[in-house]
C-alpha atoms as a PDB file:
ATOM      1  CA  MET A   1     286.035 275.512 107.581  1.00  0.00           C
ATOM      2  CA  PHE A   2     286.692 275.390 111.313  1.00  0.00           C
ATOM      3  CA  CYS A   3     288.644 272.541 112.879  1.00  0.00           C
ATOM      4  CA  PRO A   4     286.310 270.544 115.169  1.00  0.00           C
ATOM      5  CA  LYS A   5     289.168 269.998 117.637  1.00  0.00           C
ATOM      6  CA  CYS A   6     290.784 273.449 118.073  1.00  0.00           C
ATOM      7  CA  GLN A   7     288.356 275.730 116.140  1.00  0.00           C
ATOM      8  CA  PHE A   8     291.164 277.129 113.977  1.00  0.00           C
ATOM      9  CA  SER A   9     289.701 278.543 110.761  1.00  0.00           C
ATOM     10  CA  GLU A  10     292.306 277.390 108.246  1.00  0.00           C
ATOM     11  CA  THR A  11     292.364 273.856 106.893  1.00  0.00           C
ATOM     12  CA  LYS A  12     293.700 272.186 103.806  1.00  0.00           C
ATOM     13  CA  VAL A  13     291.905 269.620 101.702  1.00  0.00           C
ATOM     14  CA  TYR A  14     294.054 266.592 100.943  1.00  0.00           C
ATOM     15  CA  ASP A  15     291.445 264.264  99.414  1.00  0.00           C
ATOM     16  CA  THR A  16     288.179 264.890  97.538  1.00  0.00           C
ATOM     17  CA  ARG A  17     285.757 262.257  96.305  1.00  0.00           C
ATOM     18  CA  VAL A  18     282.499 262.756  94.455  1.00  0.00           C
ATOM     19  CA  THR A  19     279.799 260.172  95.155  1.00  0.00           C
ATOM     20  CA  GLN A  20     276.162 259.399  94.373  1.00  0.00           C
ATOM     21  CA  ASN A  21     276.130 260.651  90.785  1.00  0.00           C
ATOM     22  CA  GLY A  22     277.882 263.893  91.640  1.00  0.00           C
ATOM     23  CA  ARG A  23     275.375 264.980  94.284  1.00  0.00           C
ATOM     24  CA  ILE A  24     277.690 264.503  97.278  1.00  0.00           C
ATOM     25  CA  THR A  25     281.305 265.564  97.718  1.00  0.00           C
ATOM     26  CA  ARG A  26     283.360 264.023 100.522  1.00  0.00           C
ATOM     27  CA  ARG A  27     286.485 265.925 101.551  1.00  0.00           C
ATOM     28  CA  ARG A  28     289.269 264.891 103.925  1.00  0.00           C
ATOM     29  CA  ARG A  29     290.713 267.956 105.623  1.00  0.00           C
ATOM     30  CA  GLU A  30     293.611 268.716 107.919  1.00  0.00           C
ATOM     31  CA  CYS A  31     293.826 271.595 110.380  1.00  0.00           C
ATOM     32  CA  LEU A  32     296.869 273.773 109.689  1.00  0.00           C
ATOM     33  CA  LYS A  33     297.316 274.485 113.406  1.00  0.00           C
ATOM     34  CA  CYS A  34     296.814 271.191 115.312  1.00  0.00           C
ATOM     35  CA  HIS A  35     296.999 268.800 112.286  1.00  0.00           C
ATOM     36  CA  HIS A  36     293.730 267.099 113.274  1.00  0.00           C
ATOM     37  CA  ARG A  37     292.168 265.297 110.294  1.00  0.00           C
ATOM     38  CA  PHE A  38     288.429 265.233 109.703  1.00  0.00           C
ATOM     39  CA  THR A  39     285.858 264.636 106.967  1.00  0.00           C
ATOM     40  CA  THR A  40     283.298 267.060 105.581  1.00  0.00           C
ATOM     41  CA  ILE A  41     280.421 266.156 103.316  1.00  0.00           C
ATOM     42  CA  GLU A  42     278.847 268.579 100.862  1.00  0.00           C
ATOM     43  CA  GLU A  43     275.456 267.754  99.389  1.00  0.00           C
ATOM     44  CA  ILE A  44     273.357 269.532  96.787  1.00  0.00           C
ATOM     45  CA  LYS A  45     270.012 270.578  98.227  1.00  0.00           C
ATOM     46  CA  ILE A  46     267.031 271.142  95.972  1.00  0.00           C
ATOM     47  CA  LEU A  47     265.674 274.462  97.165  1.00  0.00           C
ATOM     48  CA  ASP A  48     263.576 275.904  94.369  1.00  0.00           C
ATOM     49  CA  LEU A  49     261.349 272.932  93.477  1.00  0.00           C
ATOM     50  CA  MET A  50     257.726 273.402  94.512  1.00  0.00           C
ATOM     51  CA  VAL A  51     255.072 270.711  95.015  1.00  0.00           C
ATOM     52  CA  GLU A  52     251.404 271.272  94.217  1.00  0.00           C
ATOM     53  CA  LYS A  53     249.259 269.329  96.655  1.00  0.00           C
ATOM     54  CA  ARG A  54     245.847 267.867  95.828  1.00  0.00           C
ATOM     55  CA  ASN A  55     244.089 270.822  97.476  1.00  0.00           C
ATOM     56  CA  GLY A  56     245.957 273.274  95.211  1.00  0.00           C
ATOM     57  CA  GLN A  57     248.323 274.519  97.900  1.00  0.00           C
ATOM     58  CA  THR A  58     252.013 274.704  96.921  1.00  0.00           C
ATOM     59  CA  MET A  59     254.934 274.026  99.222  1.00  0.00           C
ATOM     60  CA  PRO A  60     258.689 273.478  98.848  1.00  0.00           C
ATOM     61  CA  PHE A  61     259.866 269.981  97.908  1.00  0.00           C
ATOM     62  CA  SER A  62     261.321 268.111 100.888  1.00  0.00           C
ATOM     63  CA  GLU A  63     263.612 265.118 100.505  1.00  0.00           C
ATOM     64  CA  GLU A  64     263.135 264.503 104.235  1.00  0.00           C
ATOM     65  CA  LYS A  65     259.360 264.193 103.782  1.00  0.00           C
ATOM     66  CA  LEU A  66     259.906 261.890 100.800  1.00  0.00           C
ATOM     67  CA  GLU A  67     262.263 259.735 102.883  1.00  0.00           C
ATOM     68  CA  LYS A  68     259.721 259.500 105.740  1.00  0.00           C
ATOM     69  CA  GLY A  69     257.010 258.340 103.340  1.00  0.00           C
ATOM     70  CA  ILE A  70     259.250 255.696 101.805  1.00  0.00           C
ATOM     71  CA  LYS A  71     260.357 254.505 105.255  1.00  0.00           C
ATOM     72  CA  LYS A  72     256.684 254.158 106.252  1.00  0.00           C
ATOM     73  CA  ALA A  73     256.171 251.873 103.262  1.00  0.00           C
ATOM     74  CA  PHE A  74     258.976 249.650 104.584  1.00  0.00           C
ATOM     75  CA  ASN A  75     257.565 249.642 108.129  1.00  0.00           C
ATOM     76  CA  LYS A  76     258.415 246.332 109.862  1.00  0.00           C
ATOM     77  CA  ARG A  77     260.345 245.163 106.793  1.00  0.00           C
ATOM     78  CA  ARG A  78     264.058 244.584 106.813  1.00  0.00           C
ATOM     79  CA  ILE A  79     265.759 247.098 104.596  1.00  0.00           C
ATOM     80  CA  ASP A  80     269.116 248.769 104.857  1.00  0.00           C
ATOM     81  CA  ASN A  81     268.899 252.534 105.420  1.00  0.00           C
ATOM     82  CA  ASN A  82     271.336 253.006 102.520  1.00  0.00           C
ATOM     83  CA  LYS A  83     268.819 251.277 100.249  1.00  0.00           C
ATOM     84  CA  VAL A  84     266.109 253.717 101.368  1.00  0.00           C
ATOM     85  CA  LEU A  85     268.455 256.647 100.703  1.00  0.00           C
ATOM     86  CA  SER A  86     269.238 255.176  97.287  1.00  0.00           C
ATOM     87  CA  ILE A  87     265.507 255.023  96.484  1.00  0.00           C
ATOM     88  CA  VAL A  88     265.060 258.623  97.682  1.00  0.00           C
ATOM     89  CA  GLN A  89     267.941 259.697  95.442  1.00  0.00           C
ATOM     90  CA  LYS A  90     266.525 257.864  92.409  1.00  0.00           C
ATOM     91  CA  VAL A  91     263.041 259.296  92.992  1.00  0.00           C
ATOM     92  CA  THR A  92     264.501 262.799  93.364  1.00  0.00           C
ATOM     93  CA  GLU A  93     266.435 262.373  90.100  1.00  0.00           C
ATOM     94  CA  ASP A  94     263.258 261.192  88.352  1.00  0.00           C
ATOM     95  CA  ILE A  95     261.341 264.189  89.740  1.00  0.00           C
ATOM     96  CA  LEU A  96     263.984 266.624  88.507  1.00  0.00           C
ATOM     97  CA  ALA A  97     264.015 264.895  85.104  1.00  0.00           C
ATOM     98  CA  THR A  98     260.326 265.766  84.627  1.00  0.00           C
ATOM     99  CA  ASP A  99     261.417 269.422  84.483  1.00  0.00           C
ATOM    100  CA  LYS A 100     258.095 270.504  86.026  1.00  0.00           C
ATOM    101  CA  ASN A 101     257.928 273.239  88.643  1.00  0.00           C
ATOM    102  CA  PRO A 102     255.657 273.045  90.480  1.00  0.00           C
ATOM    103  CA  ILE A 103     255.225 269.287  90.251  1.00  0.00           C
ATOM    104  CA  LYS A 104     251.960 267.693  91.354  1.00  0.00           C
ATOM    105  CA  SER A 105     252.121 265.540  94.483  1.00  0.00           C
ATOM    106  CA  THR A 106     250.230 262.821  92.585  1.00  0.00           C
ATOM    107  CA  LYS A 107     253.064 262.724  90.023  1.00  0.00           C
ATOM    108  CA  ILE A 108     255.599 262.332  92.845  1.00  0.00           C
ATOM    109  CA  GLY A 109     253.508 259.467  94.256  1.00  0.00           C
ATOM    110  CA  LYS A 110     253.502 257.707  90.878  1.00  0.00           C
ATOM    111  CA  ILE A 111     257.284 258.105  90.599  1.00  0.00           C
ATOM    112  CA  VAL A 112     257.734 256.630  94.091  1.00  0.00           C
ATOM    113  CA  LEU A 113     255.461 253.695  93.215  1.00  0.00           C
ATOM    114  CA  LYS A 114     257.398 253.006  90.005  1.00  0.00           C
ATOM    115  CA  ASN A 115     260.646 252.835  91.984  1.00  0.00           C
ATOM    116  CA  LEU A 116     259.227 250.802  94.887  1.00  0.00           C
ATOM    117  CA  GLU A 117     257.709 248.227  92.540  1.00  0.00           C
ATOM    118  CA  LYS A 118     261.223 247.378  91.320  1.00  0.00           C
ATOM    119  CA  VAL A 119     262.589 246.982  94.861  1.00  0.00           C
ATOM    120  CA  ASP A 120     259.916 245.458  97.115  1.00  0.00           C
ATOM    121  CA  LYS A 121     256.356 244.465  96.202  1.00  0.00           C
ATOM    122  CA  VAL A 122     255.098 244.666  99.805  1.00  0.00           C
ATOM    123  CA  ALA A 123     256.479 248.198 100.225  1.00  0.00           C
ATOM    124  CA  TYR A 124     254.870 249.051  96.885  1.00  0.00           C
ATOM    125  CA  ILE A 125     251.486 247.865  98.175  1.00  0.00           C
ATOM    126  CA  CYS A 126     251.913 249.679 101.514  1.00  0.00           C
ATOM    127  CA  PHE A 127     252.856 252.952  99.825  1.00  0.00           C
ATOM    128  CA  SER A 128     250.004 252.576  97.368  1.00  0.00           C
ATOM    129  CA  ALA A 129     247.592 252.056 100.268  1.00  0.00           C
ATOM    130  CA  MET A 130     248.825 255.321 101.841  1.00  0.00           C
ATOM    131  CA  PHE A 131     248.964 257.246  98.563  1.00  0.00           C
ATOM    132  CA  SER A 132     245.857 256.091  96.690  1.00  0.00           C
ATOM    133  CA  ASN A 133     242.274 256.926  97.511  1.00  0.00           C
ATOM    134  CA  PHE A 134     240.684 253.485  97.591  1.00  0.00           C
ATOM    135  CA  GLU A 135     236.900 253.666  97.711  1.00  0.00           C
ATOM    136  CA  ASN A 136     236.436 250.012  98.678  1.00  0.00           C
ATOM    137  CA  GLU A 137     238.272 246.716  99.028  1.00  0.00           C
ATOM    138  CA  ASP A 138     237.717 245.903  95.332  1.00  0.00           C
ATOM    139  CA  ASP A 139     239.960 248.836  94.372  1.00  0.00           C
ATOM    140  CA  PHE A 140     242.655 247.450  96.659  1.00  0.00           C
ATOM    141  CA  ILE A 141     242.277 243.930  95.228  1.00  0.00           C
ATOM    142  CA  LYS A 142     242.655 245.360  91.693  1.00  0.00           C
ATOM    143  CA  LEU A 143     246.008 246.784  92.780  1.00  0.00           C
ATOM    144  CA  ILE A 144     247.245 243.514  94.287  1.00  0.00           C
ATOM    145  CA  LYS A 145     246.049 241.014  91.632  1.00  0.00           C
ATOM    146  CA  PRO A 146     248.559 241.869  88.874  1.00  0.00           C
ATOM    147  CA  ILE A 147     251.473 241.735  91.325  1.00  0.00           C
ATOM    148  CA  LYS A 148     251.207 237.974  91.924  1.00  0.00           C
END
């Protein structure tokens, strides 16, 4: 690890903390040359999970794409970014727990809806409107009625 101040290549770790259910490791480091202290964050990336889209095409799973979709559901709603990241993490854990590879995009959508319903009903409805293929307004009303 290079020191961000002097670019020296040797540092020592003097504090390590594991957060977010073991997915992120935060390390405090000190440069052995200039003694500058800095933090590094290590995060597990899910690289081998594939998603099967509705048209049959497969593509790599993207937490960034998942986060964008969830943020769209909260458009113009007040929500802390940490809460969004927490939802993304929970959805990702639920996806991995299915042990399916590739996983269907419709299954991911259902997992997102299940998690959004617990957090914010309006975001749930917005995501459902983006995710579902409503044929008419009656289909949309059927979604909203049980929520009241």
